[in-house]
PDB file of N, CA and C in Angstrom:
ATOM      1  N   UNK A   1      -9.447  24.150  22.788  1.00  0.00           N
ATOM      2  CA  UNK A   1      -9.979  23.304  21.715  1.00  0.00           C
ATOM      3  C   UNK A   1     -11.321  24.021  21.102  1.00  0.00           C
ATOM      4  N   UNK A   2     -11.486  24.078  19.935  1.00  0.00           N
ATOM      5  CA  UNK A   2     -12.492  24.757  19.128  1.00  0.00           C
ATOM      6  C   UNK A   2     -13.679  23.915  19.501  1.00  0.00           C
ATOM      7  N   UNK A   3     -15.004  24.295  19.367  1.00  0.00           N
ATOM      8  CA  UNK A   3     -16.132  23.502  19.428  1.00  0.00           C
ATOM      9  C   UNK A   3     -16.168  22.314  18.300  1.00  0.00           C
ATOM     10  N   UNK A   4     -15.683  22.994  17.161  1.00  0.00           N
ATOM     11  CA  UNK A   4     -15.798  21.953  16.145  1.00  0.00           C
ATOM     12  C   UNK A   4     -14.757  20.690  16.490  1.00  0.00           C
ATOM     13  N   UNK A   5     -13.555  21.129  16.699  1.00  0.00           N
ATOM     14  CA  UNK A   5     -12.583  20.097  17.085  1.00  0.00           C
ATOM     15  C   UNK A   5     -13.105  19.155  18.275  1.00  0.00           C
ATOM     16  N   UNK A   6     -13.751  19.653  19.187  1.00  0.00           N
ATOM     17  CA  UNK A   6     -14.349  18.828  20.286  1.00  0.00           C
ATOM     18  C   UNK A   6     -15.458  17.929  19.626  1.00  0.00           C
ATOM     19  N   UNK A   7     -16.148  18.427  18.825  1.00  0.00           N
ATOM     20  CA  UNK A   7     -17.287  17.727  18.262  1.00  0.00           C
ATOM     21  C   UNK A   7     -16.655  16.651  17.515  1.00  0.00           C
ATOM     22  N   UNK A   8     -15.642  16.764  16.653  1.00  0.00           N
ATOM     23  CA  UNK A   8     -15.057  15.930  15.822  1.00  0.00           C
ATOM     24  C   UNK A   8     -14.192  14.871  16.665  1.00  0.00           C
ATOM     25  N   UNK A   9     -13.642  15.187  17.741  1.00  0.00           N
ATOM     26  CA  UNK A   9     -13.120  14.204  18.768  1.00  0.00           C
ATOM     27  C   UNK A   9     -14.315  13.353  19.276  1.00  0.00           C
ATOM     28  N   UNK A  10     -15.388  13.904  19.637  1.00  0.00           N
ATOM     29  CA  UNK A  10     -16.476  13.080  20.170  1.00  0.00           C
ATOM     30  C   UNK A  10     -17.022  12.080  19.027  1.00  0.00           C
ATOM     31  N   UNK A  11     -17.220  12.696  18.084  1.00  0.00           N
ATOM     32  CA  UNK A  11     -17.637  11.789  16.749  1.00  0.00           C
ATOM     33  C   UNK A  11     -16.693  10.840  16.585  1.00  0.00           C
ATOM     34  N   UNK A  12     -15.475  11.174  16.606  1.00  0.00           N
ATOM     35  CA  UNK A  12     -14.232  10.007  16.247  1.00  0.00           C
ATOM     36  C   UNK A  12     -14.302   8.733  17.234  1.00  0.00           C
ATOM     37  N   UNK A  13     -14.823   9.310  18.609  1.00  0.00           N
ATOM     38  CA  UNK A  13     -14.617   8.415  19.707  1.00  0.00           C
ATOM     39  C   UNK A  13     -15.928   7.620  19.478  1.00  0.00           C
ATOM     40  N   UNK A  14     -17.109   8.252  19.271  1.00  0.00           N
ATOM     41  CA  UNK A  14     -18.256   7.350  19.004  1.00  0.00           C
ATOM     42  C   UNK A  14     -18.166   6.302  17.836  1.00  0.00           C
ATOM     43  N   UNK A  15     -17.565   6.959  16.791  1.00  0.00           N
ATOM     44  CA  UNK A  15     -17.375   5.923  15.659  1.00  0.00           C
ATOM     45  C   UNK A  15     -16.631   4.771  15.912  1.00  0.00           C
ATOM     46  N   UNK A  16     -15.604   5.153  16.646  1.00  0.00           N
ATOM     47  CA  UNK A  16     -14.596   3.844  17.145  1.00  0.00           C
ATOM     48  C   UNK A  16     -15.224   2.911  17.720  1.00  0.00           C
ATOM     49  N   UNK A  17     -16.376   3.252  18.388  1.00  0.00           N
ATOM     50  CA  UNK A  17     -17.100   2.224  19.296  1.00  0.00           C
ATOM     51  C   UNK A  17     -18.494   1.757  18.637  1.00  0.00           C
ATOM     52  N   UNK A  18     -18.692   2.152  17.364  1.00  0.00           N
ATOM     53  CA  UNK A  18     -19.968   1.764  16.692  1.00  0.00           C
ATOM     54  C   UNK A  18     -19.667   0.833  15.445  1.00  0.00           C
ATOM     55  N   UNK A  19     -20.766   0.161  15.238  1.00  0.00           N
ATOM     56  CA  UNK A  19     -20.806  -0.587  14.016  1.00  0.00           C
ATOM     57  C   UNK A  19     -21.662  -0.273  12.852  1.00  0.00           C
ATOM     58  N   UNK A  20     -22.632   0.769  13.459  1.00  0.00           N
ATOM     59  CA  UNK A  20     -23.504   1.218  12.459  1.00  0.00           C
ATOM     60  C   UNK A  20     -23.920   2.668  12.896  1.00  0.00           C
ATOM     61  N   UNK A  21     -24.056   3.443  11.803  1.00  0.00           N
ATOM     62  CA  UNK A  21     -24.420   4.812  11.953  1.00  0.00           C
ATOM     63  C   UNK A  21     -25.662   5.132  11.199  1.00  0.00           C
ATOM     64  N   UNK A  22     -26.296   6.351  11.461  1.00  0.00           N
ATOM     65  CA  UNK A  22     -27.350   6.837  10.616  1.00  0.00           C
ATOM     66  C   UNK A  22     -26.906   7.849   9.751  1.00  0.00           C
ATOM     67  N   UNK A  23     -27.196   7.818   8.453  1.00  0.00           N
ATOM     68  CA  UNK A  23     -26.808   8.979   7.520  1.00  0.00           C
ATOM     69  C   UNK A  23     -28.045   9.562   6.991  1.00  0.00           C
ATOM     70  N   UNK A  24     -28.160  10.980   6.998  1.00  0.00           N
ATOM     71  CA  UNK A  24     -29.314  11.636   6.251  1.00  0.00           C
ATOM     72  C   UNK A  24     -28.868  12.479   5.100  1.00  0.00           C
ATOM     73  N   UNK A  25     -29.653  12.094   4.037  1.00  0.00           N
ATOM     74  CA  UNK A  25     -29.299  12.806   2.843  1.00  0.00           C
ATOM     75  C   UNK A  25     -30.503  13.488   2.486  1.00  0.00           C
ATOM     76  N   UNK A  26     -30.423  14.403   1.356  1.00  0.00           N
ATOM     77  CA  UNK A  26     -31.404  15.100   0.803  1.00  0.00           C
ATOM     78  C   UNK A  26     -31.933  14.323  -0.416  1.00  0.00           C
ATOM     79  N   UNK A  27     -33.272  14.102  -0.390  1.00  0.00           N
ATOM     80  CA  UNK A  27     -33.817  13.420  -1.559  1.00  0.00           C
ATOM     81  C   UNK A  27     -33.755  14.072  -2.784  1.00  0.00           C
ATOM     82  N   UNK A  28     -33.232  13.435  -3.934  1.00  0.00           N
ATOM     83  CA  UNK A  28     -32.950  14.167  -5.219  1.00  0.00           C
ATOM     84  C   UNK A  28     -34.130  14.648  -6.024  1.00  0.00           C
ATOM     85  N   UNK A  29     -35.316  13.983  -5.581  1.00  0.00           N
ATOM     86  CA  UNK A  29     -36.539  14.426  -6.304  1.00  0.00           C
ATOM     87  C   UNK A  29     -37.402  15.102  -5.147  1.00  0.00           C
ATOM     88  N   UNK A  30     -37.517  14.677  -3.934  1.00  0.00           N
ATOM     89  CA  UNK A  30     -38.490  15.242  -2.951  1.00  0.00           C
ATOM     90  C   UNK A  30     -37.862  16.416  -2.196  1.00  0.00           C
ATOM     91  N   UNK A  31     -36.608  16.651  -2.304  1.00  0.00           N
ATOM     92  CA  UNK A  31     -35.933  17.505  -1.388  1.00  0.00           C
ATOM     93  C   UNK A  31     -35.964  17.336   0.015  1.00  0.00           C
ATOM     94  N   UNK A  32     -36.609  16.167   0.377  1.00  0.00           N
ATOM     95  CA  UNK A  32     -36.838  16.036   1.896  1.00  0.00           C
ATOM     96  C   UNK A  32     -35.602  15.161   2.443  1.00  0.00           C
ATOM     97  N   UNK A  33     -35.363  15.410   3.622  1.00  0.00           N
ATOM     98  CA  UNK A  33     -34.093  14.689   4.404  1.00  0.00           C
ATOM     99  C   UNK A  33     -34.659  13.157   4.624  1.00  0.00           C
ATOM    100  N   UNK A  34     -34.009  12.283   4.253  1.00  0.00           N
ATOM    101  CA  UNK A  34     -34.142  10.921   4.234  1.00  0.00           C
ATOM    102  C   UNK A  34     -32.981  10.250   5.162  1.00  0.00           C
ATOM    103  N   UNK A  35     -33.328   9.395   6.060  1.00  0.00           N
ATOM    104  CA  UNK A  35     -32.173   8.828   6.850  1.00  0.00           C
ATOM    105  C   UNK A  35     -32.250   7.182   6.939  1.00  0.00           C
ATOM    106  N   UNK A  36     -31.039   6.806   6.805  1.00  0.00           N
ATOM    107  CA  UNK A  36     -30.806   5.302   6.685  1.00  0.00           C
ATOM    108  C   UNK A  36     -29.669   4.883   7.727  1.00  0.00           C
ATOM    109  N   UNK A  37     -29.853   3.746   8.230  1.00  0.00           N
ATOM    110  CA  UNK A  37     -28.796   3.159   8.940  1.00  0.00           C
ATOM    111  C   UNK A  37     -27.869   2.386   8.139  1.00  0.00           C
ATOM    112  N   UNK A  38     -26.357   2.686   8.257  1.00  0.00           N
ATOM    113  CA  UNK A  38     -25.498   2.061   7.271  1.00  0.00           C
ATOM    114  C   UNK A  38     -24.403   1.676   8.165  1.00  0.00           C
ATOM    115  N   UNK A  39     -23.595   0.595   7.539  1.00  0.00           N
ATOM    116  CA  UNK A  39     -22.277   0.338   8.151  1.00  0.00           C
ATOM    117  C   UNK A  39     -21.299   1.171   7.383  1.00  0.00           C
ATOM    118  N   UNK A  40     -20.259   1.427   8.220  1.00  0.00           N
ATOM    119  CA  UNK A  40     -19.043   2.245   7.748  1.00  0.00           C
ATOM    120  C   UNK A  40     -17.730   1.752   8.209  1.00  0.00           C
ATOM    121  N   UNK A  41     -16.800   2.611   7.699  1.00  0.00           N
ATOM    122  CA  UNK A  41     -15.452   2.220   8.284  1.00  0.00           C
ATOM    123  C   UNK A  41     -14.780   3.369   8.410  1.00  0.00           C
ATOM    124  N   UNK A  42     -14.179   3.884   9.595  1.00  0.00           N
ATOM    125  CA  UNK A  42     -13.384   4.908   9.859  1.00  0.00           C
ATOM    126  C   UNK A  42     -11.912   4.624   9.696  1.00  0.00           C
ATOM    127  N   UNK A  43     -11.217   5.324   8.893  1.00  0.00           N
ATOM    128  CA  UNK A  43      -9.789   4.954   8.539  1.00  0.00           C
ATOM    129  C   UNK A  43      -9.000   6.297   8.812  1.00  0.00           C
ATOM    130  N   UNK A  44      -8.388   6.644   9.765  1.00  0.00           N
ATOM    131  CA  UNK A  44      -7.512   7.969   9.891  1.00  0.00           C
ATOM    132  C   UNK A  44      -8.661   9.116   9.952  1.00  0.00           C
ATOM    133  N   UNK A  45      -8.600   9.603   9.023  1.00  0.00           N
ATOM    134  CA  UNK A  45      -9.592  10.881   8.884  1.00  0.00           C
ATOM    135  C   UNK A  45     -10.657  10.775   7.722  1.00  0.00           C
ATOM    136  N   UNK A  46     -10.815   9.588   7.239  1.00  0.00           N
ATOM    137  CA  UNK A  46     -11.800   9.397   6.193  1.00  0.00           C
ATOM    138  C   UNK A  46     -12.789   8.380   6.725  1.00  0.00           C
ATOM    139  N   UNK A  47     -13.957   8.614   6.301  1.00  0.00           N
ATOM    140  CA  UNK A  47     -15.251   7.540   6.603  1.00  0.00           C
ATOM    141  C   UNK A  47     -15.728   7.130   5.255  1.00  0.00           C
ATOM    142  N   UNK A  48     -15.726   5.800   5.324  1.00  0.00           N
ATOM    143  CA  UNK A  48     -15.946   5.198   4.117  1.00  0.00           C
ATOM    144  C   UNK A  48     -17.250   4.569   4.145  1.00  0.00           C
ATOM    145  N   UNK A  49     -18.173   4.710   3.023  1.00  0.00           N
ATOM    146  CA  UNK A  49     -19.207   3.958   3.074  1.00  0.00           C
ATOM    147  C   UNK A  49     -19.446   3.300   1.913  1.00  0.00           C
ATOM    148  N   UNK A  50     -20.363   2.167   1.843  1.00  0.00           N
ATOM    149  CA  UNK A  50     -20.472   1.174   0.779  1.00  0.00           C
ATOM    150  C   UNK A  50     -21.981   1.099   0.465  1.00  0.00           C
ATOM    151  N   UNK A  51     -22.443   1.559  -0.635  1.00  0.00           N
ATOM    152  CA  UNK A  51     -23.904   1.477  -0.738  1.00  0.00           C
ATOM    153  C   UNK A  51     -24.234  -0.258  -0.911  1.00  0.00           C
ATOM    154  N   UNK A  52     -25.240  -0.527  -0.378  1.00  0.00           N
ATOM    155  CA  UNK A  52     -25.454  -2.151  -0.170  1.00  0.00           C
ATOM    156  C   UNK A  52     -25.967  -2.602  -1.553  1.00  0.00           C
ATOM    157  N   UNK A  53     -26.332  -1.829  -2.476  1.00  0.00           N
ATOM    158  CA  UNK A  53     -26.770  -2.284  -3.880  1.00  0.00           C
ATOM    159  C   UNK A  53     -25.944  -1.422  -4.899  1.00  0.00           C
ATOM    160  N   UNK A  54     -24.695  -0.980  -4.433  1.00  0.00           N
ATOM    161  CA  UNK A  54     -23.942  -0.375  -5.340  1.00  0.00           C
ATOM    162  C   UNK A  54     -24.660   1.168  -5.857  1.00  0.00           C
ATOM    163  N   UNK A  55     -24.362   1.346  -7.177  1.00  0.00           N
ATOM    164  CA  UNK A  55     -24.896   2.626  -7.619  1.00  0.00           C
ATOM    165  C   UNK A  55     -26.222   2.727  -7.890  1.00  0.00           C
ATOM    166  N   UNK A  56     -26.989   1.571  -7.579  1.00  0.00           N
ATOM    167  CA  UNK A  56     -28.577   1.645  -7.782  1.00  0.00           C
ATOM    168  C   UNK A  56     -29.071   1.811  -6.316  1.00  0.00           C
ATOM    169  N   UNK A  57     -28.329   2.094  -5.323  1.00  0.00           N
ATOM    170  CA  UNK A  57     -28.795   2.300  -3.812  1.00  0.00           C
ATOM    171  C   UNK A  57     -29.201   3.636  -3.740  1.00  0.00           C
ATOM    172  N   UNK A  58     -30.496   4.051  -3.435  1.00  0.00           N
ATOM    173  CA  UNK A  58     -31.012   5.491  -3.508  1.00  0.00           C
ATOM    174  C   UNK A  58     -30.241   6.374  -2.687  1.00  0.00           C
ATOM    175  N   UNK A  59     -29.976   6.110  -1.425  1.00  0.00           N
ATOM    176  CA  UNK A  59     -29.222   7.240  -0.862  1.00  0.00           C
ATOM    177  C   UNK A  59     -27.860   7.618  -1.889  1.00  0.00           C
ATOM    178  N   UNK A  60     -27.384   6.582  -2.409  1.00  0.00           N
ATOM    179  CA  UNK A  60     -26.055   6.950  -3.241  1.00  0.00           C
ATOM    180  C   UNK A  60     -26.508   7.942  -4.343  1.00  0.00           C
ATOM    181  N   UNK A  61     -27.697   7.470  -5.102  1.00  0.00           N
ATOM    182  CA  UNK A  61     -28.030   8.323  -6.102  1.00  0.00           C
ATOM    183  C   UNK A  61     -28.301   9.721  -5.553  1.00  0.00           C
ATOM    184  N   UNK A  62     -28.982   9.929  -4.401  1.00  0.00           N
ATOM    185  CA  UNK A  62     -29.202  11.263  -3.765  1.00  0.00           C
ATOM    186  C   UNK A  62     -27.854  12.029  -3.490  1.00  0.00           C
ATOM    187  N   UNK A  63     -26.840  11.177  -3.085  1.00  0.00           N
ATOM    188  CA  UNK A  63     -25.632  11.971  -2.893  1.00  0.00           C
ATOM    189  C   UNK A  63     -24.980  12.429  -4.084  1.00  0.00           C
ATOM    190  N   UNK A  64     -25.190  11.629  -5.247  1.00  0.00           N
ATOM    191  CA  UNK A  64     -24.742  12.132  -6.480  1.00  0.00           C
ATOM    192  C   UNK A  64     -25.127  13.582  -6.899  1.00  0.00           C
ATOM    193  N   UNK A  65     -26.688  13.768  -6.551  1.00  0.00           N
ATOM    194  CA  UNK A  65     -27.117  15.154  -6.671  1.00  0.00           C
ATOM    195  C   UNK A  65     -26.635  16.110  -5.813  1.00  0.00           C
ATOM    196  N   UNK A  66     -26.769  15.811  -4.535  1.00  0.00           N
ATOM    197  CA  UNK A  66     -26.327  16.792  -3.330  1.00  0.00           C
ATOM    198  C   UNK A  66     -25.257  16.007  -2.530  1.00  0.00           C
ATOM    199  N   UNK A  67     -23.950  16.183  -2.760  1.00  0.00           N
ATOM    200  CA  UNK A  67     -22.796  15.656  -2.141  1.00  0.00           C
ATOM    201  C   UNK A  67     -22.519  15.888  -0.697  1.00  0.00           C
ATOM    202  N   UNK A  68     -23.628  15.843   0.158  1.00  0.00           N
ATOM    203  CA  UNK A  68     -23.339  16.340   1.365  1.00  0.00           C
ATOM    204  C   UNK A  68     -24.312  15.155   2.172  1.00  0.00           C
ATOM    205  N   UNK A  69     -23.973  14.842   3.442  1.00  0.00           N
ATOM    206  CA  UNK A  69     -24.863  14.008   4.214  1.00  0.00           C
ATOM    207  C   UNK A  69     -24.454  14.474   5.657  1.00  0.00           C
ATOM    208  N   UNK A  70     -25.516  14.155   6.465  1.00  0.00           N
ATOM    209  CA  UNK A  70     -25.385  14.144   7.876  1.00  0.00           C
ATOM    210  C   UNK A  70     -25.096  12.820   8.697  1.00  0.00           C
ATOM    211  N   UNK A  71     -24.166  12.820   9.397  1.00  0.00           N
ATOM    212  CA  UNK A  71     -23.902  11.363  10.085  1.00  0.00           C
ATOM    213  C   UNK A  71     -24.198  11.449  11.521  1.00  0.00           C
ATOM    214  N   UNK A  72     -24.970  10.483  11.959  1.00  0.00           N
ATOM    215  CA  UNK A  72     -25.308  10.415  13.352  1.00  0.00           C
ATOM    216  C   UNK A  72     -24.836   9.234  14.015  1.00  0.00           C
ATOM    217  N   UNK A  73     -23.964   9.431  15.172  1.00  0.00           N
ATOM    218  CA  UNK A  73     -23.463   8.142  15.808  1.00  0.00           C
ATOM    219  C   UNK A  73     -23.770   8.484  17.298  1.00  0.00           C
ATOM    220  N   UNK A  74     -24.718   7.808  17.809  1.00  0.00           N
ATOM    221  CA  UNK A  74     -25.251   7.969  19.033  1.00  0.00           C
ATOM    222  C   UNK A  74     -25.822   9.495  19.218  1.00  0.00           C
ATOM    223  N   UNK A  75     -25.281  10.140  20.127  1.00  0.00           N
ATOM    224  CA  UNK A  75     -25.778  11.443  20.299  1.00  0.00           C
ATOM    225  C   UNK A  75     -24.984  12.585  19.549  1.00  0.00           C
ATOM    226  N   UNK A  76     -24.069  12.204  18.768  1.00  0.00           N
ATOM    227  CA  UNK A  76     -23.087  13.071  17.994  1.00  0.00           C
ATOM    228  C   UNK A  76     -23.544  13.154  16.668  1.00  0.00           C
ATOM    229  N   UNK A  77     -23.608  14.345  16.074  1.00  0.00           N
ATOM    230  CA  UNK A  77     -23.989  14.503  14.738  1.00  0.00           C
ATOM    231  C   UNK A  77     -22.831  15.284  14.159  1.00  0.00           C
ATOM    232  N   UNK A  78     -22.636  15.175  12.758  1.00  0.00           N
ATOM    233  CA  UNK A  78     -21.818  16.063  11.956  1.00  0.00           C
ATOM    234  C   UNK A  78     -22.070  16.104  10.571  1.00  0.00           C
ATOM    235  N   UNK A  79     -22.048  17.161   9.828  1.00  0.00           N
ATOM    236  CA  UNK A  79     -22.200  17.427   8.424  1.00  0.00           C
ATOM    237  C   UNK A  79     -20.997  17.209   7.678  1.00  0.00           C
ATOM    238  N   UNK A  80     -21.065  16.383   6.543  1.00  0.00           N
ATOM    239  CA  UNK A  80     -19.942  15.895   5.821  1.00  0.00           C
ATOM    240  C   UNK A  80     -20.260  16.270   4.199  1.00  0.00           C
ATOM    241  N   UNK A  81     -19.192  16.871   3.508  1.00  0.00           N
ATOM    242  CA  UNK A  81     -19.015  16.808   1.972  1.00  0.00           C
ATOM    243  C   UNK A  81     -18.534  15.419   1.724  1.00  0.00           C
ATOM    244  N   UNK A  82     -18.992  14.787   0.835  1.00  0.00           N
ATOM    245  CA  UNK A  82     -18.834  13.513   0.328  1.00  0.00           C
ATOM    246  C   UNK A  82     -18.251  13.458  -1.103  1.00  0.00           C
ATOM    247  N   UNK A  83     -17.514  12.468  -1.386  1.00  0.00           N
ATOM    248  CA  UNK A  83     -16.889  12.231  -2.769  1.00  0.00           C
ATOM    249  C   UNK A  83     -17.236  10.852  -3.098  1.00  0.00           C
ATOM    250  N   UNK A  84     -18.108  10.628  -4.158  1.00  0.00           N
ATOM    251  CA  UNK A  84     -18.500   9.465  -4.742  1.00  0.00           C
ATOM    252  C   UNK A  84     -17.189   8.660  -5.411  1.00  0.00           C
ATOM    253  N   UNK A  85     -17.026   7.539  -5.135  1.00  0.00           N
ATOM    254  CA  UNK A  85     -15.852   6.886  -5.970  1.00  0.00           C
ATOM    255  C   UNK A  85     -16.337   5.607  -6.864  1.00  0.00           C
ATOM    256  N   UNK A  86     -15.912   5.721  -7.980  1.00  0.00           N
ATOM    257  CA  UNK A  86     -16.225   4.476  -9.009  1.00  0.00           C
ATOM    258  C   UNK A  86     -15.141   3.926  -9.543  1.00  0.00           C
ATOM    259  N   UNK A  87     -13.852   4.507  -9.181  1.00  0.00           N
ATOM    260  CA  UNK A  87     -12.760   3.684  -9.667  1.00  0.00           C
ATOM    261  C   UNK A  87     -12.457   2.474  -9.158  1.00  0.00           C
ATOM    262  N   UNK A  88     -12.584   1.383  -9.936  1.00  0.00           N
ATOM    263  CA  UNK A  88     -12.566  -0.095  -9.410  1.00  0.00           C
ATOM    264  C   UNK A  88     -11.450  -0.339  -8.346  1.00  0.00           C
ATOM    265  N   UNK A  89     -10.254   0.055  -8.613  1.00  0.00           N
ATOM    266  CA  UNK A  89      -9.364  -0.335  -7.427  1.00  0.00           C
ATOM    267  C   UNK A  89      -9.617   0.461  -6.233  1.00  0.00           C
ATOM    268  N   UNK A  90     -10.008   1.569  -6.196  1.00  0.00           N
ATOM    269  CA  UNK A  90     -10.336   2.340  -5.097  1.00  0.00           C
ATOM    270  C   UNK A  90     -11.558   1.699  -4.383  1.00  0.00           C
ATOM    271  N   UNK A  91     -12.649   1.416  -5.181  1.00  0.00           N
ATOM    272  CA  UNK A  91     -13.723   0.622  -4.457  1.00  0.00           C
ATOM    273  C   UNK A  91     -13.335  -0.590  -3.816  1.00  0.00           C
ATOM    274  N   UNK A  92     -12.405  -1.276  -4.540  1.00  0.00           N
ATOM    275  CA  UNK A  92     -11.952  -2.736  -4.099  1.00  0.00           C
ATOM    276  C   UNK A  92     -11.174  -2.526  -2.842  1.00  0.00           C
ATOM    277  N   UNK A  93     -10.632  -1.379  -2.747  1.00  0.00           N
ATOM    278  CA  UNK A  93     -10.108  -1.083  -1.463  1.00  0.00           C
ATOM    279  C   UNK A  93     -10.815  -0.842  -0.241  1.00  0.00           C
ATOM    280  N   UNK A  94     -12.039  -0.004  -0.504  1.00  0.00           N
ATOM    281  CA  UNK A  94     -13.020   0.121   0.404  1.00  0.00           C
ATOM    282  C   UNK A  94     -13.604  -1.299   0.897  1.00  0.00           C
ATOM    283  N   UNK A  95     -14.128  -2.040  -0.224  1.00  0.00           N
ATOM    284  CA  UNK A  95     -14.547  -3.257   0.073  1.00  0.00           C
ATOM    285  C   UNK A  95     -13.933  -4.110   0.982  1.00  0.00           C
ATOM    286  N   UNK A  96     -12.493  -4.187   0.893  1.00  0.00           N
ATOM    287  CA  UNK A  96     -11.535  -4.970   1.733  1.00  0.00           C
ATOM    288  C   UNK A  96     -11.556  -4.260   3.009  1.00  0.00           C
ATOM    289  N   UNK A  97     -11.669  -2.980   3.310  1.00  0.00           N
ATOM    290  CA  UNK A  97     -11.935  -2.430   4.698  1.00  0.00           C
ATOM    291  C   UNK A  97     -13.001  -2.957   5.249  1.00  0.00           C
ATOM    292  N   UNK A  98     -14.260  -2.939   4.486  1.00  0.00           N
ATOM    293  CA  UNK A  98     -15.414  -3.528   5.120  1.00  0.00           C
ATOM    294  C   UNK A  98     -15.454  -5.040   5.588  1.00  0.00           C
ATOM    295  N   UNK A  99     -14.526  -5.883   4.603  1.00  0.00           N
ATOM    296  CA  UNK A  99     -14.271  -7.145   5.027  1.00  0.00           C
ATOM    297  C   UNK A  99     -13.546  -7.280   6.205  1.00  0.00           C
ATOM    298  N   UNK A 100     -12.685  -6.527   6.369  1.00  0.00           N
ATOM    299  CA  UNK A 100     -11.771  -6.636   7.627  1.00  0.00           C
ATOM    300  C   UNK A 100     -12.691  -6.186   8.916  1.00  0.00           C
ATOM    301  N   UNK A 101     -13.423  -5.252   8.804  1.00  0.00           N
ATOM    302  CA  UNK A 101     -14.160  -4.817   9.974  1.00  0.00           C
ATOM    303  C   UNK A 101     -15.331  -5.726  10.381  1.00  0.00           C
ATOM    304  N   UNK A 102     -16.174  -6.119   9.352  1.00  0.00           N
ATOM    305  CA  UNK A 102     -17.615  -6.691   9.557  1.00  0.00           C
ATOM    306  C   UNK A 102     -17.390  -8.265   9.224  1.00  0.00           C
ATOM    307  N   UNK A 103     -16.364  -8.790   8.568  1.00  0.00           N
ATOM    308  CA  UNK A 103     -16.135 -10.264   8.161  1.00  0.00           C
ATOM    309  C   UNK A 103     -16.744 -10.435   6.755  1.00  0.00           C
ATOM    310  N   UNK A 104     -15.912 -11.024   5.984  1.00  0.00           N
ATOM    311  CA  UNK A 104     -16.180 -11.319   4.558  1.00  0.00           C
ATOM    312  C   UNK A 104     -17.567 -11.926   4.397  1.00  0.00           C
ATOM    313  N   UNK A 105     -17.961 -12.985   5.135  1.00  0.00           N
ATOM    314  CA  UNK A 105     -19.301 -13.535   4.976  1.00  0.00           C
ATOM    315  C   UNK A 105     -20.425 -12.652   5.140  1.00  0.00           C
ATOM    316  N   UNK A 106     -20.334 -11.517   6.249  1.00  0.00           N
ATOM    317  CA  UNK A 106     -21.398 -10.573   6.282  1.00  0.00           C
ATOM    318  C   UNK A 106     -21.335  -9.737   5.168  1.00  0.00           C
ATOM    319  N   UNK A 107     -20.306  -9.130   4.636  1.00  0.00           N
ATOM    320  CA  UNK A 107     -20.334  -8.336   3.496  1.00  0.00           C
ATOM    321  C   UNK A 107     -20.891  -9.073   2.413  1.00  0.00           C
ATOM    322  N   UNK A 108     -20.626 -10.101   2.214  1.00  0.00           N
ATOM    323  CA  UNK A 108     -21.090 -10.859   1.115  1.00  0.00           C
ATOM    324  C   UNK A 108     -22.554 -11.138   1.258  1.00  0.00           C
ATOM    325  N   UNK A 109     -23.102 -11.394   2.430  1.00  0.00           N
ATOM    326  CA  UNK A 109     -24.488 -11.747   2.719  1.00  0.00           C
ATOM    327  C   UNK A 109     -25.374 -10.358   2.529  1.00  0.00           C
ATOM    328  N   UNK A 110     -24.789  -9.317   2.986  1.00  0.00           N
ATOM    329  CA  UNK A 110     -25.733  -8.012   2.853  1.00  0.00           C
ATOM    330  C   UNK A 110     -25.482  -7.010   1.648  1.00  0.00           C
ATOM    331  N   UNK A 111     -24.253  -7.169   1.061  1.00  0.00           N
ATOM    332  CA  UNK A 111     -23.924  -6.218   0.027  1.00  0.00           C
ATOM    333  C   UNK A 111     -23.956  -7.178  -1.423  1.00  0.00           C
ATOM    334  N   UNK A 112     -24.807  -6.477  -2.329  1.00  0.00           N
ATOM    335  CA  UNK A 112     -25.057  -7.184  -3.711  1.00  0.00           C
ATOM    336  C   UNK A 112     -24.094  -6.767  -4.878  1.00  0.00           C
ATOM    337  N   UNK A 113     -23.776  -5.511  -4.809  1.00  0.00           N
ATOM    338  CA  UNK A 113     -22.925  -4.729  -5.910  1.00  0.00           C
ATOM    339  C   UNK A 113     -21.871  -3.962  -5.412  1.00  0.00           C
ATOM    340  N   UNK A 114     -20.527  -4.137  -5.919  1.00  0.00           N
ATOM    341  CA  UNK A 114     -19.442  -3.441  -5.437  1.00  0.00           C
ATOM    342  C   UNK A 114     -18.836  -2.344  -6.609  1.00  0.00           C
ATOM    343  N   UNK A 115     -19.792  -1.724  -7.066  1.00  0.00           N
ATOM    344  CA  UNK A 115     -19.293  -0.925  -8.335  1.00  0.00           C
ATOM    345  C   UNK A 115     -18.850   0.535  -7.742  1.00  0.00           C
ATOM    346  N   UNK A 116     -19.475   1.032  -6.569  1.00  0.00           N
ATOM    347  CA  UNK A 116     -19.076   2.391  -6.072  1.00  0.00           C
ATOM    348  C   UNK A 116     -18.930   2.335  -4.706  1.00  0.00           C
ATOM    349  N   UNK A 117     -18.351   3.418  -4.184  1.00  0.00           N
ATOM    350  CA  UNK A 117     -18.298   3.770  -2.690  1.00  0.00           C
ATOM    351  C   UNK A 117     -18.311   5.021  -2.391  1.00  0.00           C
ATOM    352  N   UNK A 118     -18.461   5.626  -1.314  1.00  0.00           N
ATOM    353  CA  UNK A 118     -18.496   7.072  -0.670  1.00  0.00           C
ATOM    354  C   UNK A 118     -17.403   7.266   0.182  1.00  0.00           C
ATOM    355  N   UNK A 119     -16.754   8.477  -0.018  1.00  0.00           N
ATOM    356  CA  UNK A 119     -15.582   8.841   1.148  1.00  0.00           C
ATOM    357  C   UNK A 119     -16.197  10.211   1.531  1.00  0.00           C
ATOM    358  N   UNK A 120     -16.260  10.285   3.054  1.00  0.00           N
ATOM    359  CA  UNK A 120     -16.306  11.644   3.553  1.00  0.00           C
ATOM    360  C   UNK A 120     -14.985  11.780   4.422  1.00  0.00           C
ATOM    361  N   UNK A 121     -14.596  13.137   4.380  1.00  0.00           N
ATOM    362  CA  UNK A 121     -13.391  13.647   4.750  1.00  0.00           C
ATOM    363  C   UNK A 121     -13.630  14.294   6.216  1.00  0.00           C
ATOM    364  N   UNK A 122     -13.117  13.819   7.259  1.00  0.00           N
ATOM    365  CA  UNK A 122     -13.465  14.390   8.526  1.00  0.00           C
ATOM    366  C   UNK A 122     -12.537  15.669   8.502  1.00  0.00           C
ATOM    367  N   UNK A 123     -12.902  16.870   9.139  1.00  0.00           N
ATOM    368  CA  UNK A 123     -11.830  17.950   9.281  1.00  0.00           C
ATOM    369  C   UNK A 123     -11.191  17.867  10.398  1.00  0.00           C
TER     370      UNK A 123
END
């Protein structure tokens, strides 16, 4: 097994047991690395992220300029290229995945806008 495959297996294992991860993005103005704790959904080889304030969320704006982020789950980290999603039916599908994992009331409590999502493809 290659190092990358082993790291992906370790990350997948850690993600399967986590409710929250840290993401690091590059600031679109500052160029600095900025980290935030976020909720996520892992579905097969896709990692879904939902910005809490939709398209006005700062880390989302940063991803639009530099579509990569570093994910940290416990002691395991990995770099991902991400794809912003603004297509309403696809965003609704991601929102539903979040409701299934975290509960509709908590998603309603913490998320104010559902106009975008982000998908990271695990290799």
